[in-house]
Amino acid sequence: MFHVRNQTLETTLEAAFPAAVPFDSAKLKSVALKALEKFRKYDLRPNEVLQRPGDQLFDYGLFFNLFNNQANFRLTSDRLVIRIQGAKNKQDAEILADTLISSGQCLESEVDGFNIQSMAHAVFDVESDGVKYLETFVDETNQIIDGGRTVVVKQPGWETPVRVSVEKSLAVKNGIFLAWSTDQKGPVSLENIKIIADKFAKAVNSLGLTYRIE
């Protein structure tokens, strides 16, 4: 098993509603007030919460950004999308998780599941391990000089599988690029975010790696 530590992590959560919500039922003012309450600690201000009325049927949206545009909140008639990038350490990861959960708590419409995708650049604890690990993807017989691997992992007890891939990082020296994706049933809650974090860690183990955030 090779050991890697996070350098930067990005996560996108997409939660689709069971049915599209028309503008007059969306209660956007209530969503905006909840957002101001939940994200006051992150200095979200009223003039930073923006509404796009659109045609006031299904073409509308509510938007705001946090952390100098490192996090983006987008609510439309049929889904919530949250994208957060730049998480480097444990504190950042805790803020990332809190932002996802708080965003879900702003909703007036219930969701019965969501998709989450994460991407990370990570470095090996031992520099020589990076060379050894990446060499396993080389196949000179077939003229493959570099590469990676994509697998779909489903351990006992998991309702949904995790798709995870690895390849050489183009952004970090002696690093790799990891990408995960999975669906999760239920609301955007602390319990479900913990389940996903555990699934992602175990899925990486199937690639012969342990991944950690310090």
Protein backbone atom coordinates (compact mmCIF):
# COMPACT_ATOMS: atom_id res chain seq x y z
CA MET A 1 0.00 0.00 0.00
CA PHE A 2 1.32 3.45 -0.96
CA HIS A 3 0.56 6.47 1.23
CA VAL A 4 -0.40 9.89 -0.15
CA ARG A 5 -1.47 13.14 1.49
CA ASN A 6 -3.78 15.78 0.11
CA GLN A 7 -2.49 18.95 -1.50
CA THR A 8 -5.74 20.39 -2.81
CA LEU A 9 -9.29 19.04 -2.91
CA GLU A 10 -12.36 20.08 -4.90
CA THR A 11 -15.90 18.80 -4.42
CA THR A 12 -19.12 19.29 -6.37
CA LEU A 13 -22.49 18.22 -4.97
CA GLU A 14 -25.59 18.07 -7.15
CA ALA A 15 -29.00 17.38 -5.62
CA ALA A 16 -31.93 17.06 -8.00
CA PHE A 17 -35.50 17.62 -6.83
CA PRO A 18 -38.10 14.90 -7.45
CA ALA A 19 -39.95 17.41 -9.65
CA ALA A 20 -39.15 20.91 -10.90
CA VAL A 21 -40.43 23.66 -8.60
CA PRO A 22 -42.20 26.64 -10.26
CA PHE A 23 -41.03 30.13 -9.33
CA ASP A 24 -44.10 31.04 -7.27
CA SER A 25 -43.61 27.96 -5.07
CA ALA A 26 -39.83 28.20 -4.67
CA LYS A 27 -39.82 30.50 -1.61
CA LEU A 28 -36.55 32.06 -2.69
CA LYS A 29 -36.77 34.78 -0.03
CA SER A 30 -36.87 32.11 2.65
CA VAL A 31 -33.90 30.29 1.07
CA ALA A 32 -31.96 33.56 0.95
CA LEU A 33 -32.68 34.34 4.61
CA LYS A 34 -31.60 30.86 5.64
CA ALA A 35 -28.41 31.25 3.63
CA LEU A 36 -27.59 34.52 5.36
CA GLU A 37 -28.17 32.85 8.73
CA LYS A 38 -26.17 29.69 7.96
CA PHE A 39 -23.26 31.49 6.30
CA ARG A 40 -23.01 34.60 8.45
CA LYS A 41 -19.96 33.00 10.06
CA TYR A 42 -18.34 32.96 6.61
CA ASP A 43 -19.15 36.66 6.04
CA LEU A 44 -21.94 36.20 3.50
CA ARG A 45 -23.67 39.58 3.04
CA PRO A 46 -27.19 40.32 1.80
CA ASN A 47 -26.02 42.06 -1.38
CA GLU A 48 -24.03 38.96 -2.31
CA VAL A 49 -27.12 36.74 -2.56
CA LEU A 50 -28.43 37.19 -6.09
CA GLN A 51 -31.72 36.18 -7.65
CA ARG A 52 -32.36 35.73 -11.37
CA PRO A 53 -36.13 35.83 -11.91
CA GLY A 54 -35.91 34.57 -15.49
CA ASP A 55 -39.37 33.97 -16.99
CA GLN A 56 -40.74 33.37 -13.45
CA LEU A 57 -41.92 29.89 -14.32
CA PHE A 58 -39.10 27.31 -14.29
CA ASP A 59 -36.31 29.53 -15.64
CA TYR A 60 -34.99 31.18 -12.48
CA GLY A 61 -32.08 30.90 -10.06
CA LEU A 62 -30.56 31.93 -6.74
CA PHE A 63 -26.79 32.30 -6.45
CA PHE A 64 -24.02 33.28 -4.06
CA ASN A 65 -20.29 32.71 -3.62
CA LEU A 66 -18.09 32.24 -0.57
CA PHE A 67 -14.38 32.30 0.25
CA ASN A 68 -13.36 34.64 -2.58
CA ASN A 69 -15.34 32.59 -5.12
CA GLN A 70 -13.79 29.33 -3.98
CA ALA A 71 -17.31 28.08 -3.19
CA ASN A 72 -20.35 28.53 -5.42
CA PHE A 73 -24.01 27.96 -4.51
CA ARG A 74 -26.55 27.66 -7.34
CA LEU A 75 -30.23 26.86 -6.87
CA THR A 76 -32.50 26.40 -9.89
CA SER A 77 -36.00 25.05 -10.39
CA ASP A 78 -34.85 21.44 -10.53
CA ARG A 79 -31.60 21.18 -8.56
CA LEU A 80 -29.03 22.50 -6.12
CA VAL A 81 -25.39 22.58 -7.18
CA ILE A 82 -22.55 23.42 -4.78
CA ARG A 83 -18.91 23.55 -5.89
CA ILE A 84 -16.08 24.06 -3.41
CA GLN A 85 -12.40 24.09 -4.31
CA GLY A 86 -9.05 24.74 -2.69
CA ALA A 87 -9.34 22.58 0.45
CA LYS A 88 -5.81 21.83 1.61
CA ASN A 89 -5.90 20.70 5.25
CA LYS A 90 -8.26 19.24 7.86
CA GLN A 91 -9.68 22.62 8.78
CA ASP A 92 -10.45 23.31 5.12
CA ALA A 93 -12.06 19.88 4.78
CA GLU A 94 -14.25 20.55 7.83
CA ILE A 95 -15.35 23.88 6.32
CA LEU A 96 -16.04 22.11 3.02
CA ALA A 97 -18.28 19.56 4.74
CA ASP A 98 -20.02 22.26 6.80
CA THR A 99 -20.69 24.28 3.64
CA LEU A 100 -22.29 21.29 1.91
CA ILE A 101 -24.47 20.47 4.91
CA SER A 102 -25.49 24.09 5.54
CA SER A 103 -26.38 24.52 1.88
CA GLY A 104 -28.70 21.53 2.09
CA GLN A 105 -30.34 23.05 5.16
CA CYS A 106 -31.23 26.18 3.19
CA LEU A 107 -33.59 24.30 0.89
CA GLU A 108 -37.35 24.61 1.02
CA SER A 109 -37.76 21.59 -1.27
CA GLU A 110 -36.75 18.13 -0.05
CA VAL A 111 -34.26 15.97 -1.90
CA ASP A 112 -34.16 12.19 -1.67
CA GLY A 113 -30.59 11.79 -2.86
CA PHE A 114 -27.62 13.53 -4.43
CA ASN A 115 -24.49 12.99 -6.49
CA ILE A 116 -21.08 14.02 -5.22
CA GLN A 117 -17.82 14.26 -7.13
CA SER A 118 -14.41 15.04 -5.69
CA MET A 119 -11.02 15.63 -7.25
CA ALA A 120 -7.71 15.84 -5.43
CA HIS A 121 -4.04 16.32 -6.13
CA ALA A 122 -1.95 14.38 -3.60
CA VAL A 123 1.74 13.65 -3.03
CA PHE A 124 3.44 10.47 -1.88
CA ASP A 125 4.97 10.38 1.59
CA VAL A 126 8.09 8.84 0.03
CA GLU A 127 9.12 10.40 -3.27
CA SER A 128 10.44 7.14 -4.68
CA ASP A 129 7.04 5.52 -4.04
CA GLY A 130 5.52 7.84 -6.60
CA VAL A 131 7.85 6.53 -9.28
CA LYS A 132 7.21 2.92 -8.26
CA TYR A 133 3.44 3.34 -8.22
CA LEU A 134 3.14 5.12 -11.54
CA GLU A 135 5.46 2.60 -13.18
CA THR A 136 2.79 -0.05 -12.67
CA PHE A 137 0.77 1.60 -15.45
CA VAL A 138 3.61 1.38 -17.98
CA ASP A 139 3.40 -1.38 -20.59
CA GLU A 140 6.20 -1.06 -23.12
CA THR A 141 4.98 -4.14 -24.97
CA ASN A 142 1.88 -2.18 -25.93
CA GLN A 143 3.72 1.15 -26.21
CA ILE A 144 2.07 2.50 -23.05
CA ILE A 145 4.58 4.87 -21.46
CA ASP A 146 2.28 6.42 -18.86
CA GLY A 147 -1.27 6.06 -17.64
CA GLY A 148 -3.63 5.42 -14.78
CA ARG A 149 -6.55 3.32 -13.70
CA THR A 150 -10.29 3.67 -13.25
CA VAL A 151 -12.30 1.23 -11.13
CA VAL A 152 -15.82 0.96 -9.75
CA VAL A 153 -15.86 -0.25 -6.13
CA LYS A 154 -18.84 -1.61 -4.20
CA GLN A 155 -18.12 -3.09 -0.79
CA PRO A 156 -20.66 -5.13 1.22
CA GLY A 157 -23.23 -2.84 2.82
CA TRP A 158 -22.86 -0.04 0.29
CA GLU A 159 -26.10 0.95 -1.44
CA THR A 160 -24.26 2.56 -4.33
CA PRO A 161 -20.77 2.04 -5.82
CA VAL A 162 -17.92 4.54 -6.03
CA ARG A 163 -16.15 5.27 -9.29
CA VAL A 164 -12.55 6.24 -8.59
CA SER A 165 -9.63 6.94 -10.89
CA VAL A 166 -5.95 7.76 -10.53
CA GLU A 167 -3.30 9.17 -12.82
CA LYS A 168 -0.17 11.29 -12.66
CA SER A 169 -0.77 14.84 -11.47
CA LEU A 170 0.14 17.56 -13.93
CA ALA A 171 -0.08 20.20 -11.21
CA VAL A 172 1.90 18.70 -8.32
CA LYS A 173 5.45 17.33 -8.47
CA ASN A 174 5.68 13.70 -7.34
CA GLY A 175 1.91 13.66 -7.18
CA ILE A 176 -1.18 11.92 -8.42
CA PHE A 177 -4.62 13.11 -9.44
CA LEU A 178 -7.57 11.30 -7.86
CA ALA A 179 -11.22 11.55 -8.87
CA TRP A 180 -14.23 10.04 -7.11
CA SER A 181 -17.93 9.95 -7.91
CA THR A 182 -20.92 8.36 -6.18
CA ASP A 183 -24.64 8.76 -5.53
CA GLN A 184 -26.06 8.90 -2.04
CA LYS A 185 -29.66 8.40 -0.99
CA GLY A 186 -31.26 10.72 1.54
CA PRO A 187 -30.74 14.39 2.47
CA VAL A 188 -27.52 16.39 2.45
CA SER A 189 -26.75 15.63 6.09
CA LEU A 190 -23.70 15.19 8.31
CA GLU A 191 -24.34 11.45 8.48
CA ASN A 192 -24.45 11.08 4.71
CA ILE A 193 -21.35 13.23 4.17
CA LYS A 194 -19.46 11.02 6.67
CA ILE A 195 -20.65 7.91 4.79
CA ILE A 196 -19.33 9.32 1.52
CA ALA A 197 -15.97 10.31 3.02
CA ASP A 198 -15.56 6.77 4.34
CA LYS A 199 -16.55 5.26 0.99
CA PHE A 200 -14.10 7.46 -0.88
CA ALA A 201 -11.23 6.50 1.45
CA LYS A 202 -11.99 2.78 1.08
CA ALA A 203 -12.38 3.06 -2.69
CA VAL A 204 -8.86 4.50 -2.93
CA ASN A 205 -7.58 1.51 -0.96
CA SER A 206 -8.73 -0.65 -3.89
CA LEU A 207 -6.15 1.20 -6.01
CA GLY A 208 -3.38 0.30 -3.57
CA LEU A 209 -3.37 3.72 -1.92
CA THR A 210 -4.18 5.33 1.39
CA TYR A 211 -5.24 8.99 1.15
CA ARG A 212 -5.31 11.42 4.05
CA ILE A 213 -5.84 15.10 4.74
CA GLU A 214 -3.54 16.57 7.38
